[in-house]
């Protein structure tokens, strides 16, 4: 199969994780910031969703270490639009799920470590 992609290899894959949590008025930990990535065989869009949103686009063939943000590159404007559209669609589907508070509470020791790292206010 040299020189050919497997079927579906360029179909975007989406992942998301909680990047920051804060306590609400009742003391429950609630996610406030998320990092979402949308990846194809060649490109990866990384968006931080929350208080300080950011967007970065990487060409994984030319930059496998993801060190050069190409989101502003006019040559990749179509790729950026496509991957943003996928990300926005995921946001619409996941909004309700993400609105629910985090029910599991970390141990006191884990909470201190998370606070020290700046993940919990």
N, C-alpha and C. Protein backbone atom coordinates (compact mmCIF):
# COMPACT_ATOMS: atom_id res chain seq x y z
N UNK A 1 0.81 -1.19 0.00
CA UNK A 1 0.00 0.00 0.00
C UNK A 1 0.86 1.25 0.00
N UNK A 2 2.06 1.15 -0.42
CA UNK A 2 2.97 2.28 -0.43
C UNK A 2 2.40 3.44 -1.25
N UNK A 3 2.47 4.64 -0.68
CA UNK A 3 2.02 5.82 -1.39
C UNK A 3 0.53 6.08 -1.30
N UNK A 4 -0.21 5.25 -0.58
CA UNK A 4 -1.66 5.43 -0.46
C UNK A 4 -2.05 5.41 1.01
N UNK A 5 -3.04 6.22 1.33
CA UNK A 5 -3.56 6.24 2.70
C UNK A 5 -4.60 5.14 2.86
N UNK A 6 -4.72 4.65 4.06
CA UNK A 6 -5.78 3.70 4.37
C UNK A 6 -7.12 4.42 4.24
N UNK A 7 -8.19 3.72 3.89
CA UNK A 7 -9.50 4.36 3.80
C UNK A 7 -9.86 5.05 5.12
N UNK A 8 -10.35 6.29 5.01
CA UNK A 8 -10.74 7.04 6.21
C UNK A 8 -9.59 7.69 6.96
N UNK A 9 -8.35 7.57 6.44
CA UNK A 9 -7.19 8.09 7.17
C UNK A 9 -7.23 9.60 7.33
N UNK A 10 -7.93 10.32 6.45
CA UNK A 10 -7.98 11.77 6.57
C UNK A 10 -9.26 12.25 7.26
N UNK A 11 -10.04 11.32 7.78
CA UNK A 11 -11.24 11.70 8.54
C UNK A 11 -10.77 12.29 9.87
N UNK A 12 -11.26 13.48 10.25
CA UNK A 12 -10.79 14.12 11.48
C UNK A 12 -11.14 13.32 12.73
N UNK A 13 -10.22 13.31 13.66
CA UNK A 13 -10.43 12.72 14.99
C UNK A 13 -10.40 13.87 15.99
N UNK A 14 -11.32 13.87 16.95
CA UNK A 14 -11.43 14.95 17.92
C UNK A 14 -11.13 14.41 19.31
N UNK A 15 -10.36 15.18 20.07
CA UNK A 15 -10.16 14.85 21.48
C UNK A 15 -10.29 16.13 22.29
N UNK A 16 -10.67 15.98 23.53
CA UNK A 16 -10.85 17.14 24.40
C UNK A 16 -10.51 16.74 25.82
N UNK A 17 -9.88 17.65 26.56
CA UNK A 17 -9.66 17.40 27.98
C UNK A 17 -9.85 18.68 28.76
N UNK A 18 -10.11 18.52 30.04
CA UNK A 18 -10.28 19.67 30.94
C UNK A 18 -8.90 20.22 31.26
N UNK A 19 -8.72 21.52 31.06
CA UNK A 19 -7.44 22.15 31.32
C UNK A 19 -7.43 22.91 32.64
N UNK A 20 -8.62 23.26 33.14
CA UNK A 20 -8.69 24.03 34.37
C UNK A 20 -10.06 23.84 35.02
N UNK A 21 -10.06 23.76 36.34
CA UNK A 21 -11.31 23.70 37.10
C UNK A 21 -11.29 24.76 38.18
N UNK A 22 -12.47 25.21 38.56
CA UNK A 22 -12.61 26.16 39.66
C UNK A 22 -13.76 25.70 40.54
N UNK A 23 -13.76 26.16 41.77
CA UNK A 23 -14.87 25.83 42.67
C UNK A 23 -16.00 26.83 42.45
N UNK A 24 -17.23 26.32 42.39
CA UNK A 24 -18.36 27.23 42.29
C UNK A 24 -18.73 27.70 43.70
N UNK A 25 -19.81 28.46 43.83
CA UNK A 25 -20.20 29.04 45.12
C UNK A 25 -20.46 27.98 46.19
N UNK A 26 -20.87 26.79 45.76
CA UNK A 26 -21.14 25.73 46.73
C UNK A 26 -19.93 24.83 46.99
N UNK A 27 -18.79 25.15 46.35
CA UNK A 27 -17.57 24.38 46.58
C UNK A 27 -17.36 23.22 45.63
N UNK A 28 -18.26 23.05 44.66
CA UNK A 28 -18.13 21.96 43.69
C UNK A 28 -17.13 22.36 42.62
N UNK A 29 -16.25 21.43 42.25
CA UNK A 29 -15.29 21.69 41.18
C UNK A 29 -16.00 21.66 39.84
N UNK A 30 -15.84 22.74 39.07
CA UNK A 30 -16.51 22.87 37.78
C UNK A 30 -15.45 23.18 36.71
N UNK A 31 -15.44 22.43 35.60
CA UNK A 31 -14.50 22.73 34.52
C UNK A 31 -14.75 24.12 33.94
N UNK A 32 -13.67 24.87 33.69
CA UNK A 32 -13.81 26.20 33.11
C UNK A 32 -13.08 26.33 31.77
N UNK A 33 -12.01 25.61 31.57
CA UNK A 33 -11.24 25.67 30.33
C UNK A 33 -11.02 24.26 29.81
N UNK A 34 -11.09 24.13 28.47
CA UNK A 34 -10.87 22.85 27.80
C UNK A 34 -9.84 23.05 26.70
N UNK A 35 -9.11 21.99 26.39
CA UNK A 35 -8.26 21.99 25.21
C UNK A 35 -8.83 20.92 24.29
N UNK A 36 -9.14 21.34 23.08
CA UNK A 36 -9.70 20.43 22.08
C UNK A 36 -8.76 20.37 20.90
N UNK A 37 -8.52 19.17 20.40
CA UNK A 37 -7.72 19.04 19.18
C UNK A 37 -8.52 18.27 18.14
N UNK A 38 -8.31 18.67 16.90
CA UNK A 38 -8.90 17.99 15.75
C UNK A 38 -7.72 17.62 14.85
N UNK A 39 -7.60 16.32 14.58
CA UNK A 39 -6.42 15.84 13.86
C UNK A 39 -6.84 15.05 12.63
N UNK A 40 -6.11 15.31 11.54
CA UNK A 40 -6.21 14.47 10.35
C UNK A 40 -4.84 13.81 10.18
N UNK A 41 -4.68 13.07 9.11
CA UNK A 41 -3.40 12.42 8.88
C UNK A 41 -2.26 13.44 8.77
N UNK A 42 -2.56 14.63 8.26
CA UNK A 42 -1.50 15.62 8.04
C UNK A 42 -1.53 16.83 8.97
N UNK A 43 -2.72 17.26 9.41
CA UNK A 43 -2.84 18.51 10.16
C UNK A 43 -3.46 18.30 11.53
N UNK A 44 -3.15 19.22 12.44
CA UNK A 44 -3.72 19.19 13.78
C UNK A 44 -4.08 20.60 14.21
N UNK A 45 -5.34 20.78 14.58
CA UNK A 45 -5.83 22.04 15.12
C UNK A 45 -5.94 21.87 16.62
N UNK A 46 -5.40 22.83 17.37
CA UNK A 46 -5.49 22.80 18.84
C UNK A 46 -6.15 24.09 19.28
N UNK A 47 -7.27 23.95 19.99
CA UNK A 47 -8.01 25.13 20.47
C UNK A 47 -8.18 25.04 21.97
N UNK A 48 -7.88 26.13 22.62
CA UNK A 48 -8.20 26.24 24.04
C UNK A 48 -9.52 26.98 24.12
N UNK A 49 -10.48 26.38 24.79
CA UNK A 49 -11.83 26.91 24.90
C UNK A 49 -12.04 27.32 26.35
N UNK A 50 -12.40 28.58 26.56
CA UNK A 50 -12.63 29.05 27.92
C UNK A 50 -12.30 30.51 28.05
N UNK A 51 -11.72 30.89 29.19
CA UNK A 51 -11.47 32.30 29.51
C UNK A 51 -10.51 32.98 28.53
N UNK A 52 -9.47 32.28 28.11
CA UNK A 52 -8.48 32.85 27.19
C UNK A 52 -8.34 31.95 25.97
N UNK A 53 -9.30 32.00 25.04
CA UNK A 53 -9.27 31.08 23.91
C UNK A 53 -8.08 31.31 22.98
N UNK A 54 -7.52 30.22 22.48
CA UNK A 54 -6.41 30.28 21.53
C UNK A 54 -6.65 29.22 20.46
N UNK A 55 -6.00 29.42 19.31
CA UNK A 55 -6.08 28.46 18.21
C UNK A 55 -4.70 28.32 17.60
N UNK A 56 -4.30 27.08 17.34
CA UNK A 56 -3.03 26.82 16.66
C UNK A 56 -3.26 25.70 15.64
N UNK A 57 -2.56 25.77 14.52
CA UNK A 57 -2.66 24.76 13.47
C UNK A 57 -1.25 24.28 13.14
N UNK A 58 -1.08 22.97 13.09
CA UNK A 58 0.23 22.39 12.80
C UNK A 58 0.15 21.49 11.58
N UNK A 59 1.20 21.55 10.76
CA UNK A 59 1.37 20.64 9.63
C UNK A 59 2.27 19.51 10.14
N UNK A 60 1.69 18.37 10.42
CA UNK A 60 2.43 17.28 11.06
C UNK A 60 3.46 16.64 10.15
N UNK A 61 3.30 16.76 8.84
CA UNK A 61 4.32 16.23 7.93
C UNK A 61 5.59 17.07 8.01
N UNK A 62 5.44 18.40 8.02
CA UNK A 62 6.58 19.31 8.04
C UNK A 62 7.08 19.61 9.45
N UNK A 63 6.19 19.44 10.45
CA UNK A 63 6.50 19.84 11.83
C UNK A 63 5.93 18.83 12.82
N UNK A 64 6.48 17.62 12.86
CA UNK A 64 5.92 16.59 13.74
C UNK A 64 6.01 16.95 15.23
N UNK A 65 6.90 17.86 15.58
CA UNK A 65 7.04 18.29 16.98
C UNK A 65 6.07 19.39 17.37
N UNK A 66 5.25 19.84 16.43
CA UNK A 66 4.24 20.88 16.66
C UNK A 66 4.84 22.14 17.29
N UNK A 67 5.86 22.68 16.63
CA UNK A 67 6.53 23.88 17.15
C UNK A 67 6.18 25.15 16.38
N UNK A 68 5.64 25.01 15.16
CA UNK A 68 5.35 26.18 14.34
C UNK A 68 3.85 26.27 14.06
N UNK A 69 3.22 27.29 14.64
CA UNK A 69 1.80 27.52 14.44
C UNK A 69 1.58 28.09 13.05
N UNK A 70 0.76 27.41 12.25
CA UNK A 70 0.51 27.84 10.88
C UNK A 70 -0.92 28.34 10.70
N UNK A 71 -1.61 28.68 11.80
CA UNK A 71 -3.00 29.13 11.72
C UNK A 71 -3.14 30.40 10.87
N UNK A 72 -2.11 31.22 10.81
CA UNK A 72 -2.16 32.45 10.03
C UNK A 72 -1.67 32.30 8.60
N UNK A 73 -1.31 31.10 8.19
CA UNK A 73 -0.77 30.85 6.85
C UNK A 73 -1.91 30.82 5.83
N UNK A 74 -1.94 31.77 4.88
CA UNK A 74 -3.02 31.79 3.88
C UNK A 74 -3.13 30.49 3.08
N UNK A 75 -2.02 29.80 2.90
CA UNK A 75 -2.05 28.55 2.14
C UNK A 75 -2.83 27.46 2.86
N UNK A 76 -3.02 27.60 4.17
CA UNK A 76 -3.74 26.59 4.95
C UNK A 76 -5.10 27.08 5.42
N UNK A 77 -5.58 28.18 4.84
CA UNK A 77 -6.87 28.75 5.26
C UNK A 77 -8.01 27.75 5.11
N UNK A 78 -8.02 26.98 4.04
CA UNK A 78 -9.07 25.98 3.83
C UNK A 78 -9.01 24.87 4.87
N UNK A 79 -7.80 24.43 5.19
CA UNK A 79 -7.62 23.40 6.22
C UNK A 79 -8.10 23.94 7.57
N UNK A 80 -7.73 25.18 7.88
CA UNK A 80 -8.13 25.80 9.14
C UNK A 80 -9.66 25.89 9.23
N UNK A 81 -10.31 26.33 8.16
CA UNK A 81 -11.78 26.41 8.15
C UNK A 81 -12.42 25.05 8.38
N UNK A 82 -11.91 24.04 7.69
CA UNK A 82 -12.48 22.69 7.81
C UNK A 82 -12.34 22.16 9.23
N UNK A 83 -11.15 22.28 9.81
CA UNK A 83 -10.93 21.73 11.14
C UNK A 83 -11.66 22.54 12.21
N UNK A 84 -11.77 23.86 12.01
CA UNK A 84 -12.57 24.68 12.94
C UNK A 84 -14.03 24.26 12.89
N UNK A 85 -14.52 23.97 11.71
CA UNK A 85 -15.90 23.54 11.56
C UNK A 85 -16.15 22.24 12.33
N UNK A 86 -15.23 21.32 12.23
CA UNK A 86 -15.34 20.06 12.98
C UNK A 86 -15.31 20.35 14.48
N UNK A 87 -14.40 21.21 14.91
CA UNK A 87 -14.30 21.58 16.32
C UNK A 87 -15.58 22.25 16.81
N UNK A 88 -16.13 23.16 16.00
CA UNK A 88 -17.36 23.85 16.39
C UNK A 88 -18.53 22.86 16.48
N UNK A 89 -18.57 21.89 15.59
CA UNK A 89 -19.62 20.88 15.65
C UNK A 89 -19.51 20.04 16.91
N UNK A 90 -18.29 19.72 17.29
CA UNK A 90 -18.08 18.96 18.52
C UNK A 90 -18.51 19.79 19.72
N UNK A 91 -18.25 21.10 19.68
CA UNK A 91 -18.64 21.99 20.77
C UNK A 91 -20.15 21.99 20.95
N UNK A 92 -20.88 22.06 19.84
CA UNK A 92 -22.33 22.08 19.92
C UNK A 92 -22.87 20.79 20.54
N UNK A 93 -22.27 19.66 20.21
CA UNK A 93 -22.70 18.38 20.74
C UNK A 93 -22.33 18.23 22.21
N UNK A 94 -21.14 18.71 22.57
CA UNK A 94 -20.63 18.48 23.93
C UNK A 94 -20.96 19.55 24.95
N UNK A 95 -21.59 20.63 24.56
CA UNK A 95 -21.85 21.75 25.48
C UNK A 95 -22.63 21.32 26.72
N UNK A 96 -23.67 20.54 26.52
CA UNK A 96 -24.48 20.10 27.66
C UNK A 96 -23.69 19.20 28.59
N UNK A 97 -22.92 18.30 28.02
CA UNK A 97 -22.11 17.39 28.84
C UNK A 97 -21.10 18.17 29.67
N UNK A 98 -20.48 19.18 29.06
CA UNK A 98 -19.46 19.93 29.77
C UNK A 98 -20.04 20.88 30.81
N UNK A 99 -21.32 21.20 30.73
CA UNK A 99 -21.94 22.11 31.68
C UNK A 99 -22.16 21.44 33.04
N UNK A 100 -22.14 20.12 33.08
CA UNK A 100 -22.35 19.41 34.34
C UNK A 100 -21.12 19.54 35.23
N UNK A 101 -21.31 19.72 36.53
CA UNK A 101 -20.16 19.83 37.43
C UNK A 101 -19.40 18.51 37.53
N UNK A 102 -18.16 18.60 37.91
CA UNK A 102 -17.34 17.42 38.15
C UNK A 102 -17.77 16.86 39.51
N UNK A 103 -18.30 15.66 39.53
CA UNK A 103 -18.85 15.13 40.76
C UNK A 103 -17.80 14.47 41.64
N UNK A 104 -16.80 13.86 41.05
CA UNK A 104 -15.77 13.21 41.84
C UNK A 104 -14.82 14.26 42.39
N UNK A 105 -14.55 14.19 43.67
CA UNK A 105 -13.63 15.15 44.30
C UNK A 105 -12.29 14.48 44.51
N UNK A 106 -11.22 15.16 44.17
CA UNK A 106 -9.89 14.58 44.40
C UNK A 106 -9.58 14.57 45.90
N UNK A 107 -8.61 13.77 46.27
CA UNK A 107 -8.17 13.74 47.67
C UNK A 107 -7.58 15.10 48.03
N UNK A 108 -7.44 15.38 49.31
CA UNK A 108 -6.87 16.65 49.77
C UNK A 108 -5.46 16.82 49.22
N UNK A 109 -4.69 15.74 49.20
CA UNK A 109 -3.31 15.81 48.69
C UNK A 109 -3.31 16.12 47.20
N UNK A 110 -4.16 15.44 46.44
CA UNK A 110 -4.23 15.69 44.99
C UNK A 110 -4.69 17.11 44.72
N UNK A 111 -5.63 17.60 45.50
CA UNK A 111 -6.13 18.96 45.33
C UNK A 111 -5.02 19.98 45.58
N UNK A 112 -4.21 19.77 46.62
CA UNK A 112 -3.07 20.67 46.89
C UNK A 112 -2.10 20.67 45.71
N UNK A 113 -1.84 19.49 45.15
CA UNK A 113 -0.93 19.40 44.01
C UNK A 113 -1.50 20.12 42.80
N UNK A 114 -2.79 19.96 42.54
CA UNK A 114 -3.43 20.63 41.42
C UNK A 114 -3.42 22.15 41.61
N UNK A 115 -3.65 22.61 42.82
CA UNK A 115 -3.61 24.05 43.13
C UNK A 115 -2.20 24.59 42.93
N UNK A 116 -1.19 23.84 43.38
CA UNK A 116 0.20 24.27 43.22
C UNK A 116 0.59 24.40 41.75
N UNK A 117 0.00 23.56 40.92
CA UNK A 117 0.28 23.60 39.48
C UNK A 117 -0.55 24.63 38.74
N UNK A 118 -1.52 25.25 39.44
CA UNK A 118 -2.35 26.27 38.83
C UNK A 118 -3.58 25.74 38.12
N UNK A 119 -3.90 24.45 38.29
CA UNK A 119 -5.07 23.88 37.63
C UNK A 119 -6.36 24.16 38.37
N UNK A 120 -6.28 24.42 39.67
CA UNK A 120 -7.45 24.67 40.50
C UNK A 120 -7.25 25.98 41.22
N UNK A 121 -8.29 26.82 41.22
CA UNK A 121 -8.23 28.08 41.96
C UNK A 121 -8.89 27.91 43.28
